[in-house]
Amino acid sequence: MNHSDESKALLDAAYEALKFVDDPEVGLNVVDLGLIYELDLHEEEKKISCLMTFTTEFCPMGESIQANVTEALKMTVPGYVPEVTVTFDPPWKQDMISEAGRAFLGGY
């Protein structure tokens, strides 16, 4: 999807804001943990969509993490309605953790 420079800046800001949303069980943010699969801005609908996952389908903090992602998007991209969808396809794997995340976790 082609985005205007303003929309790209909003997406970049939203992505950066998600780096402040931690998985409390791991202590690592959802971006570096590899939980964010897609982030997109739908200008006509004034919606920002996020496709994400959890480390397991039975993540006890899943609802809380999803709510925090929604709130971060709402605060970062005012005027756009956040739509956060959770999927387990593909399932999360440890190799989805970023290099920065691996360093934070001690080489995990």
N, C-alpha and C. Protein backbone atom coordinates (compact mmCIF):
# COMPACT_ATOMS: atom_id res chain seq x y z
N MET A 1 0.85 -1.18 0.00
CA MET A 1 0.00 0.00 0.00
C MET A 1 0.90 1.24 0.00
N ASN A 2 0.60 2.17 -0.88
CA ASN A 2 1.36 3.41 -0.94
C ASN A 2 0.82 4.40 0.08
N HIS A 3 1.72 5.03 0.80
CA HIS A 3 1.33 6.00 1.81
C HIS A 3 2.00 7.32 1.54
N SER A 4 1.33 8.39 1.95
CA SER A 4 1.92 9.72 1.86
C SER A 4 3.06 9.82 2.87
N ASP A 5 3.88 10.84 2.73
CA ASP A 5 4.97 11.04 3.68
C ASP A 5 4.44 11.20 5.09
N GLU A 6 3.31 11.90 5.23
CA GLU A 6 2.71 12.09 6.56
C GLU A 6 2.27 10.75 7.15
N SER A 7 1.67 9.91 6.31
CA SER A 7 1.23 8.59 6.78
C SER A 7 2.42 7.72 7.16
N LYS A 8 3.49 7.78 6.37
CA LYS A 8 4.69 7.02 6.70
C LYS A 8 5.26 7.48 8.04
N ALA A 9 5.23 8.78 8.27
CA ALA A 9 5.72 9.31 9.55
C ALA A 9 4.86 8.82 10.71
N LEU A 10 3.54 8.77 10.51
CA LEU A 10 2.64 8.26 11.55
C LEU A 10 2.91 6.78 11.82
N LEU A 11 3.11 6.01 10.77
CA LEU A 11 3.40 4.59 10.95
C LEU A 11 4.72 4.40 11.68
N ASP A 12 5.72 5.18 11.32
CA ASP A 12 7.02 5.11 12.01
C ASP A 12 6.86 5.45 13.48
N ALA A 13 6.08 6.48 13.77
CA ALA A 13 5.86 6.89 15.17
C ALA A 13 5.12 5.80 15.93
N ALA A 14 4.13 5.19 15.28
CA ALA A 14 3.37 4.11 15.92
C ALA A 14 4.27 2.92 16.22
N TYR A 15 5.10 2.57 15.26
CA TYR A 15 6.03 1.46 15.44
C TYR A 15 6.98 1.74 16.61
N GLU A 16 7.49 2.96 16.68
CA GLU A 16 8.39 3.33 17.77
C GLU A 16 7.65 3.30 19.12
N ALA A 17 6.39 3.72 19.14
CA ALA A 17 5.60 3.71 20.37
C ALA A 17 5.40 2.28 20.89
N LEU A 18 5.29 1.34 19.96
CA LEU A 18 5.09 -0.06 20.36
C LEU A 18 6.34 -0.62 21.05
N LYS A 19 7.48 0.03 20.87
CA LYS A 19 8.70 -0.40 21.55
C LYS A 19 8.64 -0.10 23.05
N PHE A 20 7.60 0.63 23.47
CA PHE A 20 7.41 0.92 24.90
C PHE A 20 6.35 0.02 25.52
N VAL A 21 5.82 -0.91 24.73
CA VAL A 21 4.84 -1.88 25.23
C VAL A 21 5.59 -3.19 25.48
N ASP A 22 5.70 -3.56 26.74
CA ASP A 22 6.44 -4.76 27.11
C ASP A 22 5.54 -5.96 27.33
N ASP A 23 6.10 -7.13 27.07
CA ASP A 23 5.51 -8.37 27.54
C ASP A 23 6.02 -8.51 28.96
N PRO A 24 5.16 -8.32 29.97
CA PRO A 24 5.64 -8.29 31.36
C PRO A 24 6.28 -9.58 31.84
N GLU A 25 5.94 -10.69 31.23
CA GLU A 25 6.55 -11.96 31.65
C GLU A 25 7.99 -12.08 31.18
N VAL A 26 8.29 -11.47 30.04
CA VAL A 26 9.63 -11.57 29.46
C VAL A 26 10.45 -10.32 29.78
N GLY A 27 9.76 -9.18 29.90
CA GLY A 27 10.45 -7.92 30.17
C GLY A 27 11.02 -7.28 28.92
N LEU A 28 10.53 -7.69 27.76
CA LEU A 28 11.01 -7.18 26.48
C LEU A 28 9.83 -6.61 25.71
N ASN A 29 10.07 -5.57 24.93
CA ASN A 29 8.97 -4.93 24.19
C ASN A 29 8.47 -5.84 23.06
N VAL A 30 7.22 -5.58 22.66
CA VAL A 30 6.54 -6.43 21.67
C VAL A 30 7.20 -6.37 20.29
N VAL A 31 7.88 -5.27 19.98
CA VAL A 31 8.56 -5.17 18.68
C VAL A 31 9.79 -6.06 18.67
N ASP A 32 10.67 -5.88 19.65
CA ASP A 32 11.89 -6.68 19.70
C ASP A 32 11.61 -8.15 19.98
N LEU A 33 10.50 -8.43 20.62
CA LEU A 33 10.12 -9.82 20.87
C LEU A 33 9.59 -10.49 19.60
N GLY A 34 9.25 -9.68 18.60
CA GLY A 34 8.77 -10.23 17.33
C GLY A 34 7.29 -10.53 17.32
N LEU A 35 6.54 -9.85 18.20
CA LEU A 35 5.10 -10.10 18.28
C LEU A 35 4.28 -9.30 17.27
N ILE A 36 4.87 -8.26 16.69
CA ILE A 36 4.14 -7.42 15.74
C ILE A 36 4.42 -7.94 14.33
N TYR A 37 3.38 -8.42 13.66
CA TYR A 37 3.52 -8.96 12.31
C TYR A 37 3.31 -7.89 11.25
N GLU A 38 2.30 -7.05 11.44
CA GLU A 38 1.98 -6.01 10.45
C GLU A 38 1.45 -4.78 11.17
N LEU A 39 1.74 -3.63 10.59
CA LEU A 39 1.20 -2.36 11.07
C LEU A 39 0.88 -1.55 9.84
N ASP A 40 -0.37 -1.12 9.70
CA ASP A 40 -0.76 -0.40 8.50
C ASP A 40 -1.76 0.70 8.82
N LEU A 41 -1.68 1.75 8.04
CA LEU A 41 -2.57 2.91 8.20
C LEU A 41 -3.55 2.91 7.04
N HIS A 42 -4.82 3.02 7.35
CA HIS A 42 -5.88 3.07 6.34
C HIS A 42 -6.44 4.49 6.38
N GLU A 43 -5.91 5.32 5.50
CA GLU A 43 -6.21 6.75 5.54
C GLU A 43 -7.70 7.06 5.33
N GLU A 44 -8.32 6.40 4.35
CA GLU A 44 -9.72 6.70 4.06
C GLU A 44 -10.64 6.32 5.22
N GLU A 45 -10.34 5.21 5.88
CA GLU A 45 -11.18 4.75 6.98
C GLU A 45 -10.75 5.33 8.32
N LYS A 46 -9.62 6.06 8.33
CA LYS A 46 -9.07 6.63 9.57
C LYS A 46 -8.88 5.52 10.60
N LYS A 47 -8.18 4.47 10.15
CA LYS A 47 -7.95 3.30 11.00
C LYS A 47 -6.47 2.92 10.92
N ILE A 48 -5.91 2.48 12.04
CA ILE A 48 -4.58 1.90 12.04
C ILE A 48 -4.74 0.45 12.49
N SER A 49 -4.28 -0.45 11.64
CA SER A 49 -4.43 -1.87 11.97
C SER A 49 -3.09 -2.47 12.36
N CYS A 50 -3.18 -3.38 13.30
CA CYS A 50 -1.99 -4.07 13.79
C CYS A 50 -2.32 -5.56 13.87
N LEU A 51 -1.50 -6.35 13.22
CA LEU A 51 -1.62 -7.80 13.31
C LEU A 51 -0.48 -8.27 14.19
N MET A 52 -0.81 -8.97 15.25
CA MET A 52 0.20 -9.38 16.21
C MET A 52 -0.08 -10.78 16.72
N THR A 53 0.85 -11.28 17.49
CA THR A 53 0.72 -12.60 18.09
C THR A 53 1.21 -12.54 19.52
N PHE A 54 1.18 -13.65 20.20
CA PHE A 54 1.75 -13.81 21.53
C PHE A 54 2.73 -14.97 21.48
N THR A 55 3.54 -15.11 22.50
CA THR A 55 4.52 -16.19 22.51
C THR A 55 3.85 -17.56 22.58
N THR A 56 2.66 -17.61 23.16
CA THR A 56 1.87 -18.85 23.18
C THR A 56 0.40 -18.48 23.06
N GLU A 57 -0.41 -19.41 22.60
CA GLU A 57 -1.85 -19.15 22.50
C GLU A 57 -2.48 -18.95 23.88
N PHE A 58 -1.83 -19.45 24.90
CA PHE A 58 -2.39 -19.38 26.25
C PHE A 58 -1.67 -18.36 27.11
N CYS A 59 -1.12 -17.34 26.47
CA CYS A 59 -0.38 -16.29 27.17
C CYS A 59 -1.28 -15.64 28.23
N PRO A 60 -0.93 -15.75 29.51
CA PRO A 60 -1.78 -15.20 30.56
C PRO A 60 -1.87 -13.68 30.53
N MET A 61 -0.92 -13.02 29.88
CA MET A 61 -0.92 -11.56 29.81
C MET A 61 -1.42 -11.05 28.45
N GLY A 62 -1.92 -11.95 27.62
CA GLY A 62 -2.34 -11.61 26.27
C GLY A 62 -3.32 -10.44 26.19
N GLU A 63 -4.37 -10.49 26.97
CA GLU A 63 -5.37 -9.41 26.93
C GLU A 63 -4.76 -8.08 27.34
N SER A 64 -3.92 -8.11 28.34
CA SER A 64 -3.26 -6.90 28.82
C SER A 64 -2.31 -6.34 27.76
N ILE A 65 -1.53 -7.20 27.12
CA ILE A 65 -0.61 -6.76 26.08
C ILE A 65 -1.39 -6.17 24.92
N GLN A 66 -2.45 -6.84 24.49
CA GLN A 66 -3.28 -6.34 23.39
C GLN A 66 -3.88 -4.98 23.74
N ALA A 67 -4.36 -4.81 24.97
CA ALA A 67 -4.92 -3.53 25.41
C ALA A 67 -3.85 -2.45 25.41
N ASN A 68 -2.63 -2.78 25.83
CA ASN A 68 -1.55 -1.81 25.84
C ASN A 68 -1.12 -1.42 24.43
N VAL A 69 -1.13 -2.36 23.50
CA VAL A 69 -0.83 -2.05 22.10
C VAL A 69 -1.89 -1.11 21.55
N THR A 70 -3.16 -1.42 21.82
CA THR A 70 -4.26 -0.57 21.37
C THR A 70 -4.11 0.84 21.91
N GLU A 71 -3.82 0.97 23.19
CA GLU A 71 -3.67 2.28 23.82
C GLU A 71 -2.48 3.04 23.24
N ALA A 72 -1.37 2.36 23.02
CA ALA A 72 -0.19 3.02 22.43
C ALA A 72 -0.51 3.56 21.05
N LEU A 73 -1.25 2.81 20.26
CA LEU A 73 -1.61 3.26 18.92
C LEU A 73 -2.59 4.44 18.99
N LYS A 74 -3.53 4.35 19.91
CA LYS A 74 -4.51 5.43 20.08
C LYS A 74 -3.82 6.74 20.46
N MET A 75 -2.84 6.66 21.34
CA MET A 75 -2.15 7.85 21.82
C MET A 75 -1.19 8.42 20.76
N THR A 76 -0.63 7.55 19.94
CA THR A 76 0.39 7.96 18.98
C THR A 76 -0.21 8.45 17.66
N VAL A 77 -1.34 7.90 17.29
CA VAL A 77 -1.97 8.25 16.01
C VAL A 77 -3.38 8.77 16.29
N PRO A 78 -3.47 9.99 16.85
CA PRO A 78 -4.79 10.53 17.18
C PRO A 78 -5.63 10.73 15.92
N GLY A 79 -6.92 10.47 16.08
CA GLY A 79 -7.83 10.60 14.95
C GLY A 79 -7.99 9.32 14.16
N TYR A 80 -7.17 8.32 14.48
CA TYR A 80 -7.28 7.01 13.83
C TYR A 80 -7.71 5.99 14.87
N VAL A 81 -8.61 5.11 14.47
CA VAL A 81 -9.10 4.07 15.37
C VAL A 81 -8.18 2.86 15.27
N PRO A 82 -7.61 2.43 16.39
CA PRO A 82 -6.75 1.25 16.34
C PRO A 82 -7.58 -0.03 16.25
N GLU A 83 -7.13 -0.91 15.39
CA GLU A 83 -7.74 -2.23 15.25
C GLU A 83 -6.63 -3.26 15.41
N VAL A 84 -6.60 -3.91 16.55
CA VAL A 84 -5.53 -4.86 16.87
C VAL A 84 -6.10 -6.28 16.78
N THR A 85 -5.52 -7.06 15.89
CA THR A 85 -5.95 -8.43 15.67
C THR A 85 -4.83 -9.38 16.08
N VAL A 86 -5.20 -10.40 16.81
CA VAL A 86 -4.24 -11.41 17.26
C VAL A 86 -4.38 -12.64 16.38
N THR A 87 -3.24 -13.15 15.93
CA THR A 87 -3.21 -14.37 15.13
C THR A 87 -2.14 -15.30 15.67
N PHE A 88 -2.28 -16.56 15.36
CA PHE A 88 -1.24 -17.53 15.71
C PHE A 88 -0.75 -18.25 14.46
N ASP A 89 -0.94 -17.56 13.32
CA ASP A 89 -0.53 -18.08 12.04
C ASP A 89 0.31 -17.03 11.33
N PRO A 90 1.61 -17.13 11.31
CA PRO A 90 2.38 -18.26 11.81
C PRO A 90 2.57 -18.17 13.32
N PRO A 91 2.81 -19.30 13.95
CA PRO A 91 3.06 -19.27 15.39
C PRO A 91 4.39 -18.58 15.69
N TRP A 92 4.45 -17.94 16.84
CA TRP A 92 5.67 -17.24 17.27
C TRP A 92 6.77 -18.27 17.54
N LYS A 93 8.00 -17.90 17.15
CA LYS A 93 9.17 -18.73 17.45
C LYS A 93 10.27 -17.83 17.98
N GLN A 94 11.19 -18.40 18.72
CA GLN A 94 12.27 -17.62 19.32
C GLN A 94 13.11 -16.89 18.28
N ASP A 95 13.20 -17.40 17.06
CA ASP A 95 14.03 -16.74 16.06
C ASP A 95 13.40 -15.44 15.55
N MET A 96 12.21 -15.11 16.01
CA MET A 96 11.56 -13.84 15.66
C MET A 96 12.06 -12.69 16.53
N ILE A 97 12.79 -13.00 17.58
CA ILE A 97 13.33 -11.96 18.47
C ILE A 97 14.44 -11.21 17.72
N SER A 98 14.39 -9.89 17.79
CA SER A 98 15.39 -9.06 17.12
C SER A 98 16.76 -9.24 17.76
N GLU A 99 17.80 -8.76 17.05
CA GLU A 99 19.14 -8.82 17.62
C GLU A 99 19.22 -8.05 18.92
N ALA A 100 18.58 -6.87 18.94
CA ALA A 100 18.56 -6.05 20.17
C ALA A 100 17.86 -6.81 21.29
N GLY A 101 16.79 -7.51 20.96
CA GLY A 101 16.07 -8.31 21.96
C GLY A 101 16.91 -9.45 22.48
N ARG A 102 17.64 -10.09 21.59
CA ARG A 102 18.52 -11.20 22.01
C ARG A 102 19.61 -10.68 22.95
N ALA A 103 20.16 -9.52 22.62
CA ALA A 103 21.19 -8.93 23.48
C ALA A 103 20.61 -8.60 24.85
N PHE A 104 19.38 -8.04 24.86
CA PHE A 104 18.72 -7.70 26.11
C PHE A 104 18.50 -8.95 26.96
N LEU A 105 18.12 -10.03 26.31
CA LEU A 105 17.84 -11.28 27.02
C LEU A 105 19.09 -12.11 27.28
N GLY A 106 20.23 -11.60 26.92
CA GLY A 106 21.49 -12.30 27.18
C GLY A 106 21.78 -13.39 26.17
N GLY A 107 21.45 -13.13 24.91
CA GLY A 107 21.78 -14.08 23.87
C GLY A 107 20.75 -15.17 23.65
N TYR A 108 19.59 -15.03 24.20
CA TYR A 108 18.45 -15.97 24.14
C TYR A 108 18.39 -16.71 22.85
